[in-house]
Amino acid sequence: MAARRPVRRVVAAPDKFKGTLSARDVAQAIGHACWELGIDCTEVPMADGGDGLLEALGGANRTSTVTGPLGDTVSAEWRLARGTAVIEMARASGLALIGGPDNNRPLDATTTGTGELIDHALDAGARRIIVGLGGSATTDGGFGAIRAITAIARLKQVELLVACDVTTPFLDASTIFAPQKGASPAQVELLSRRLDRMAQLFDEEYGVDVTAVPGGGAAGGLGGALAALGGTLLPGFELVADEVDLYDHLDGADLVITGEGALDETSFAGKVVGGVLSIANDDGIPVLAVVGDADPRTVDRRHDELDVVSLVESFGSETALAEPKRCIEESVAAWLTAHAM
C-alpha cells in the first residue's frame, strides 16, 4: 500500500499505546511530525469503548467518590457536557484499581460504583449517558450497579448508550472472562450460577431476555444489566467514531494514520485500527498504522491493506518504551518523507 502523492492533509486517528501513551498523546506526536513537514493534520484520538473512551470524548471534568470494586471508596473521574455524561466503568469498578487479578476477590467484586456514577449523572441532569465497558474486576451480572441506581424510572427517560468491544453472551461472561479476573474453576462455577439467576431476575423484573443480547456478557454481565434497563449496546469503536465525527473529518483526507500499542489479528476485530481501516478503505484513503510492536504474520497478511511501522522494529524495545512519543514523531516523519512528499 502506498499513499497517493502528494499528501497535503492527514487525519491522525490512533488508539492509546496501553501503559505508555494516551490516544491524545499519540495523535499529537503524529500531528507534530506532519506539521513539521508542512502537512495539515487533524487530530482525532480514538477508543474502542474500553479505557480511553473518556479521554476520546473530551476528557474528565467531574470527580465523584464511589464504591470501588471490593467495597473501598475510590475517586472516579467522569464527564458531563451539554447534557451528555461519559462514564468509564473501569474508573469505578476496574481491575486496575485493585492491582490486578492476584488482588481480586471475584465473588465479591461489584459494579456498585458504576451504578453510583450513573446515578450522579442523572442527578446532574444528564439527558444522554454513555457508559464504556472494559477493564472490569467484576462478574456480578450488573447486580451492584442496578442496586445503586436509585431512580430506574428516570434512567429509562434518558438515552443510555453502552460501548463495548465484545459480543460475548451474558451467560458466558463467567467462563470466558472470570479466570482473567482471578477466579478459580470452583468460583467460575459459582459465578455461572449467579449469572443464571440474574438472567431470570431481568426477565421477571424488566421483561428483557439478556441472554439474547449481543455483548450482554461484557464487563461481567454489566452489558446485559444495562440493556435490561433500556440501554442500547453498541460496538465501542462505532459509537466513538460517531461522537467525534470521524467520518466527516476523513472527508478530503489524503492519508489516515492510526495506531496502537500492539498490532495482531485481534486489532481487526472491533478495535480502533481495524475500524479506521474499514472506514478509510470504503473512502479509498490509504492507511498507515504506527504501532509499538507488531506480529510479523499479521503485517504480512495485511500488507495490501495498510502500511505498518513498528517502533520496536525501528528503534528497539528499550527505546520504544522509554521514548515512544519521539519514536512516533520520527517514524511518521520518515514514512511521509519516503512515501508522500
Protein backbone atom coordinates (compact mmCIF):
# COMPACT_ATOMS: atom_id res chain seq x y z
CA MET A 1 0.00 0.00 0.00
CA ALA A 2 1.34 3.42 -0.88
CA ALA A 3 -0.10 6.82 -0.21
CA ARG A 4 -1.28 8.96 -3.08
CA ARG A 5 1.18 11.72 -3.89
CA PRO A 6 1.41 14.31 -2.65
CA VAL A 7 -0.11 14.12 0.85
CA ARG A 8 -1.48 17.51 1.85
CA ARG A 9 -3.93 16.51 4.58
CA VAL A 10 -3.63 13.75 7.17
CA VAL A 11 -6.12 12.55 9.77
CA ALA A 12 -4.47 11.12 12.90
CA ALA A 13 -6.94 8.65 14.44
CA PRO A 14 -4.97 6.42 16.83
CA ASP A 15 -5.86 4.37 19.87
CA LYS A 16 -3.77 4.62 23.04
CA PHE A 17 -0.48 2.78 23.44
CA LYS A 18 -1.63 0.98 26.58
CA GLY A 19 0.55 1.73 29.59
CA THR A 20 2.70 4.14 27.60
CA LEU A 21 0.81 6.94 25.83
CA SER A 22 -2.78 8.13 25.70
CA ALA A 23 -4.52 8.33 22.34
CA ARG A 24 -4.28 12.11 22.58
CA ASP A 25 -0.52 11.92 23.10
CA VAL A 26 -0.15 9.62 20.09
CA ALA A 27 -2.30 11.90 17.91
CA GLN A 28 -0.23 14.91 18.98
CA ALA A 29 3.01 13.14 18.07
CA ILE A 30 1.63 12.28 14.63
CA GLY A 31 0.38 15.83 14.21
CA HIS A 32 3.73 17.33 15.17
CA ALA A 33 5.53 15.22 12.57
CA CYS A 34 3.04 16.29 9.90
CA TRP A 35 3.18 19.99 10.71
CA GLU A 36 6.99 19.95 10.70
CA LEU A 37 6.78 18.78 7.08
CA GLY A 38 4.16 21.37 6.19
CA ILE A 39 1.33 18.83 6.05
CA ASP A 40 -2.06 19.69 7.54
CA CYS A 41 -3.13 17.21 10.23
CA THR A 42 -6.46 16.79 12.01
CA GLU A 43 -6.01 15.00 15.34
CA VAL A 44 -8.88 12.69 16.30
CA PRO A 45 -7.93 10.47 19.30
CA MET A 46 -9.96 7.27 19.24
CA ALA A 47 -11.06 4.44 21.55
CA ASP A 48 -12.95 1.18 21.22
CA GLY A 49 -15.19 1.51 24.26
CA GLY A 50 -12.82 0.39 27.00
CA ASP A 51 -10.30 2.54 28.83
CA GLY A 52 -9.56 5.63 26.79
CA LEU A 53 -13.22 6.29 25.97
CA LEU A 54 -13.47 9.17 28.43
CA GLU A 55 -10.45 10.95 27.01
CA ALA A 56 -11.51 10.38 23.41
CA LEU A 57 -14.86 12.01 24.16
CA GLY A 58 -13.39 15.15 25.71
CA GLY A 59 -11.78 14.12 28.99
CA ALA A 60 -12.97 14.22 32.58
CA ASN A 61 -14.42 17.37 34.10
CA ARG A 62 -16.01 15.82 37.20
CA THR A 63 -14.92 13.51 40.00
CA SER A 64 -17.15 11.50 42.32
CA THR A 65 -16.36 9.37 45.35
CA VAL A 66 -17.98 5.98 44.79
CA THR A 67 -17.76 2.37 45.91
CA GLY A 68 -14.76 0.58 44.45
CA PRO A 69 -14.80 -2.97 43.11
CA LEU A 70 -14.03 -4.51 46.51
CA GLY A 71 -16.04 -2.08 48.63
CA ASP A 72 -13.42 0.56 49.38
CA THR A 73 -14.16 4.09 48.21
CA VAL A 74 -12.48 5.38 45.06
CA SER A 75 -12.39 8.75 43.30
CA ALA A 76 -13.79 8.19 39.82
CA GLU A 77 -13.46 10.77 37.06
CA TRP A 78 -16.25 11.23 34.52
CA ARG A 79 -17.59 13.86 32.16
CA LEU A 80 -20.75 15.92 31.76
CA ALA A 81 -21.05 18.42 28.93
CA ARG A 82 -24.08 19.71 27.02
CA GLY A 83 -26.34 17.16 28.65
CA THR A 84 -24.18 14.14 27.81
CA ALA A 85 -22.42 12.17 30.54
CA VAL A 86 -19.48 9.90 29.73
CA ILE A 87 -18.58 7.15 32.20
CA GLU A 88 -15.81 4.55 32.02
CA MET A 89 -16.89 1.69 34.25
CA ALA A 90 -13.22 0.82 34.86
CA ARG A 91 -12.80 4.10 36.73
CA ALA A 92 -15.21 2.83 39.38
CA SER A 93 -15.19 -0.96 39.03
CA GLY A 94 -11.97 -1.74 37.24
CA LEU A 95 -9.43 -4.49 37.82
CA ALA A 96 -6.58 -1.98 37.70
CA LEU A 97 -7.99 -0.21 40.76
CA ILE A 98 -7.11 -3.22 42.92
CA GLY A 99 -3.79 -4.00 41.32
CA GLY A 100 -4.82 -6.84 39.03
CA PRO A 101 -6.28 -10.35 39.30
CA ASP A 102 -3.99 -11.51 42.12
CA ASN A 103 -5.59 -8.97 44.44
CA ASN A 104 -9.15 -9.59 43.35
CA ARG A 105 -11.92 -11.38 45.20
CA PRO A 106 -14.01 -12.49 42.22
CA LEU A 107 -17.08 -13.49 44.22
CA ASP A 108 -17.18 -10.12 45.98
CA ALA A 109 -16.23 -7.76 43.14
CA THR A 110 -19.09 -5.38 42.49
CA THR A 111 -20.27 -2.87 39.89
CA THR A 112 -21.88 -0.72 42.59
CA GLY A 113 -19.58 2.23 41.89
CA THR A 114 -20.55 2.27 38.23
CA GLY A 115 -24.21 2.43 39.20
CA GLU A 116 -23.41 5.27 41.57
CA LEU A 117 -21.75 7.20 38.74
CA ILE A 118 -24.84 6.71 36.59
CA ASP A 119 -26.93 7.95 39.49
CA HIS A 120 -24.72 11.03 39.87
CA ALA A 121 -25.10 11.72 36.16
CA LEU A 122 -28.89 11.55 36.46
CA ASP A 123 -28.83 13.87 39.47
CA ALA A 124 -26.69 16.31 37.49
CA GLY A 125 -29.30 16.47 34.74
CA ALA A 126 -27.75 14.28 32.06
CA ARG A 127 -30.05 13.62 29.11
CA ARG A 128 -27.68 11.16 27.46
CA ILE A 129 -25.37 8.75 29.27
CA ILE A 130 -22.54 6.90 27.54
CA VAL A 131 -21.03 4.03 29.53
CA GLY A 132 -17.82 2.39 28.35
CA LEU A 133 -17.37 -1.24 29.34
CA GLY A 134 -13.94 -2.82 29.63
CA GLY A 135 -11.27 -3.49 32.21
CA SER A 136 -13.73 -4.66 34.85
CA ALA A 137 -12.91 -6.59 38.00
CA THR A 138 -16.45 -7.88 38.18
CA THR A 139 -18.69 -10.79 37.23
CA ASP A 140 -21.75 -9.76 39.20
CA GLY A 141 -24.11 -9.54 36.23
CA GLY A 142 -24.52 -5.82 36.92
CA PHE A 143 -26.33 -6.53 40.19
CA GLY A 144 -24.34 -3.95 42.14
CA ALA A 145 -24.93 -1.26 39.54
CA ILE A 146 -28.68 -1.83 39.41
CA ARG A 147 -28.97 -1.68 43.20
CA ALA A 148 -27.05 1.60 43.23
CA ILE A 149 -29.26 3.38 40.70
CA THR A 150 -31.93 4.95 42.84
CA ALA A 151 -34.20 6.13 40.03
CA ILE A 152 -34.57 3.36 37.46
CA ALA A 153 -37.65 5.07 36.02
CA ARG A 154 -35.66 8.27 35.49
CA LEU A 155 -32.88 6.33 33.77
CA LYS A 156 -35.37 4.96 31.28
CA GLN A 157 -36.22 8.53 30.28
CA VAL A 158 -32.70 9.32 29.10
CA GLU A 159 -30.70 7.93 26.19
CA LEU A 160 -28.39 5.26 27.56
CA LEU A 161 -25.64 4.13 25.18
CA VAL A 162 -23.33 1.31 26.18
CA ALA A 163 -19.99 0.94 24.39
CA CYS A 164 -18.38 -2.50 24.29
CA ASP A 165 -15.87 -4.29 22.10
CA VAL A 166 -17.07 -7.86 22.64
CA THR A 167 -20.19 -9.78 21.66
CA THR A 168 -19.94 -12.32 24.48
CA PRO A 169 -23.36 -13.61 25.66
CA PHE A 170 -24.45 -12.85 29.20
CA LEU A 171 -24.21 -16.43 30.46
CA ASP A 172 -20.71 -16.89 29.03
CA ALA A 173 -19.19 -13.97 30.95
CA SER A 174 -18.03 -16.17 33.82
CA THR A 175 -16.33 -18.90 31.79
CA ILE A 176 -14.68 -16.53 29.32
CA PHE A 177 -13.68 -13.58 31.48
CA ALA A 178 -13.75 -14.52 35.18
CA PRO A 179 -10.49 -16.56 35.06
CA GLN A 180 -8.74 -13.43 33.76
CA LYS A 181 -10.03 -11.66 36.87
CA GLY A 182 -8.58 -14.19 39.28
CA ALA A 183 -11.44 -16.68 39.56
CA SER A 184 -10.67 -20.34 40.27
CA PRO A 185 -12.61 -23.10 38.46
CA ALA A 186 -14.84 -23.53 41.51
CA GLN A 187 -15.51 -19.79 41.63
CA VAL A 188 -16.27 -19.74 37.91
CA GLU A 189 -18.96 -22.34 38.56
CA LEU A 190 -20.48 -20.25 41.35
CA LEU A 191 -20.38 -17.12 39.20
CA SER A 192 -22.09 -19.01 36.36
CA ARG A 193 -24.95 -19.94 38.68
CA ARG A 194 -25.20 -16.32 39.81
CA LEU A 195 -25.47 -15.13 36.20
CA ASP A 196 -28.17 -17.71 35.57
CA ARG A 197 -30.20 -16.33 38.48
CA MET A 198 -29.58 -12.75 37.32
CA ALA A 199 -30.85 -13.56 33.83
CA GLN A 200 -34.05 -14.91 35.36
CA LEU A 201 -34.38 -11.79 37.50
CA PHE A 202 -34.02 -9.45 34.50
CA ASP A 203 -36.64 -11.43 32.60
CA GLU A 204 -39.07 -11.32 35.51
CA GLU A 205 -38.46 -7.73 36.65
CA TYR A 206 -37.88 -5.95 33.32
CA GLY A 207 -39.18 -8.34 30.68
CA VAL A 208 -35.79 -8.48 28.94
CA ASP A 209 -34.04 -11.68 27.94
CA VAL A 210 -30.46 -10.57 28.48
CA THR A 211 -29.16 -13.93 27.26
CA ALA A 212 -30.17 -12.90 23.73
CA VAL A 213 -28.38 -9.53 23.80
CA PRO A 214 -25.08 -9.49 21.84
CA GLY A 215 -22.45 -8.17 24.23
CA GLY A 216 -24.60 -8.87 27.28
CA GLY A 217 -21.62 -10.58 28.91
CA ALA A 218 -19.38 -7.50 28.60
CA ALA A 219 -17.88 -6.35 31.91
CA GLY A 220 -19.02 -9.50 33.65
CA GLY A 221 -22.64 -9.12 32.61
CA LEU A 222 -22.97 -5.37 33.16
CA GLY A 223 -23.77 -5.06 29.47
CA GLY A 224 -26.84 -7.23 29.90
CA ALA A 225 -27.93 -5.39 33.03
CA LEU A 226 -27.80 -2.00 31.30
CA ALA A 227 -29.68 -3.46 28.33
CA ALA A 228 -32.39 -4.60 30.75
CA LEU A 229 -32.68 -1.00 31.94
CA GLY A 230 -33.22 0.27 28.42
CA GLY A 231 -29.64 0.76 27.30
CA THR A 232 -28.53 0.25 23.73
CA LEU A 233 -25.33 -1.79 23.36
CA LEU A 234 -23.13 -0.60 20.52
CA PRO A 235 -19.70 -1.53 19.19
CA GLY A 236 -17.40 0.84 21.04
CA PHE A 237 -15.41 1.98 18.03
CA GLU A 238 -18.54 2.84 16.06
CA LEU A 239 -20.00 4.80 18.95
CA VAL A 240 -16.81 6.82 19.40
CA ALA A 241 -16.47 7.38 15.65
CA ASP A 242 -19.96 8.87 15.58
CA GLU A 243 -19.41 11.01 18.66
CA VAL A 244 -16.15 12.56 17.38
CA ASP A 245 -17.41 12.92 13.77
CA LEU A 246 -14.62 10.76 12.38
CA TYR A 247 -16.49 10.24 9.12
CA ASP A 248 -16.68 13.99 8.49
CA HIS A 249 -13.02 14.50 9.41
CA LEU A 250 -11.98 11.93 6.78
CA ASP A 251 -13.67 13.90 4.02
CA GLY A 252 -10.89 15.19 1.77
CA ALA A 253 -8.06 13.43 3.62
CA ASP A 254 -5.12 12.05 1.62
CA LEU A 255 -3.93 9.68 4.34
CA VAL A 256 -5.12 8.30 7.67
CA ILE A 257 -2.58 7.45 10.35
CA THR A 258 -3.81 5.20 13.12
CA GLY A 259 -2.01 3.12 15.72
CA GLU A 260 -1.97 1.16 18.95
CA GLY A 261 0.47 -0.47 21.31
CA ALA A 262 0.48 -3.99 19.85
CA LEU A 263 -0.80 -4.99 16.44
CA ASP A 264 -2.08 -8.52 15.79
CA GLU A 265 -5.16 -10.11 14.24
CA THR A 266 -7.34 -9.00 17.18
CA SER A 267 -6.63 -5.42 16.09
CA PHE A 268 -9.07 -6.00 13.22
CA ALA A 269 -11.94 -7.34 15.34
CA GLY A 270 -13.75 -4.34 16.80
CA LYS A 271 -10.60 -2.42 17.71
CA VAL A 272 -9.54 1.04 16.57
CA VAL A 273 -7.02 0.05 13.89
CA GLY A 274 -9.45 -2.29 12.18
CA GLY A 275 -12.30 0.20 12.43
CA VAL A 276 -10.27 3.05 10.98
CA LEU A 277 -9.02 0.79 8.19
CA SER A 278 -12.55 -0.26 7.27
CA ILE A 279 -13.84 3.31 7.06
CA ALA A 280 -10.79 4.56 5.18
CA ASN A 281 -10.92 1.70 2.69
CA ASP A 282 -14.56 2.48 1.95
CA ASP A 283 -13.46 6.02 1.05
CA GLY A 284 -10.35 4.92 -0.84
CA ILE A 285 -7.99 6.60 1.63
CA PRO A 286 -4.59 4.95 2.30
CA VAL A 287 -3.80 3.97 5.89
CA LEU A 288 -0.58 3.92 7.88
CA ALA A 289 -0.52 2.20 11.27
CA VAL A 290 2.22 3.25 13.69
CA VAL A 291 2.39 0.66 16.47
CA GLY A 292 4.54 -0.15 19.44
CA ASP A 293 5.08 -3.72 18.28
CA ALA A 294 3.58 -5.88 15.56
CA ASP A 295 3.03 -9.56 14.86
CA PRO A 296 5.01 -10.18 11.64
CA ARG A 297 2.40 -12.65 10.36
CA THR A 298 -0.33 -10.05 10.70
CA VAL A 299 1.77 -7.42 8.93
CA ASP A 300 2.42 -9.85 6.08
CA ARG A 301 -1.24 -10.84 5.77
CA ARG A 302 -2.38 -7.20 5.76
CA HIS A 303 0.34 -5.64 3.62
CA ASP A 304 -2.07 -4.94 0.74
CA GLU A 305 -4.44 -3.08 3.07
CA LEU A 306 -2.18 -0.80 5.08
CA ASP A 307 1.43 0.05 5.83
CA VAL A 308 2.72 -0.74 9.32
CA VAL A 309 5.60 0.90 11.16
CA SER A 310 6.72 -0.87 14.35
CA LEU A 311 8.58 1.22 16.91
CA VAL A 312 10.23 -1.88 18.38
CA GLU A 313 11.48 -2.92 14.97
CA SER A 314 12.71 0.58 14.15
CA PHE A 315 14.21 1.63 17.48
CA GLY A 316 14.48 -1.47 19.67
CA SER A 317 12.21 -2.32 22.58
CA GLU A 318 14.10 -0.31 25.20
CA THR A 319 13.99 2.97 23.29
CA ALA A 320 10.44 2.38 22.04
CA LEU A 321 9.23 2.01 25.62
CA ALA A 322 11.35 4.82 27.07
CA GLU A 323 10.70 7.45 24.38
CA PRO A 324 7.56 6.44 22.49
CA LYS A 325 6.48 9.95 21.55
CA ARG A 326 9.82 10.80 19.94
CA CYS A 327 9.84 7.44 18.18
CA ILE A 328 6.35 8.05 16.78
CA GLU A 329 7.29 11.51 15.52
CA GLU A 330 10.45 10.25 13.83
CA SER A 331 8.72 7.21 12.33
CA VAL A 332 5.87 9.25 10.87
CA ALA A 333 8.25 11.89 9.52
CA ALA A 334 10.44 9.23 7.89
CA TRP A 335 7.48 7.44 6.32
CA LEU A 336 5.96 10.65 4.97
CA THR A 337 9.29 11.78 3.57
CA ALA A 338 9.76 8.44 1.81
CA HIS A 339 6.22 7.91 0.55
CA ALA A 340 4.29 11.14 0.41
CA MET A 341 6.49 14.14 -0.33
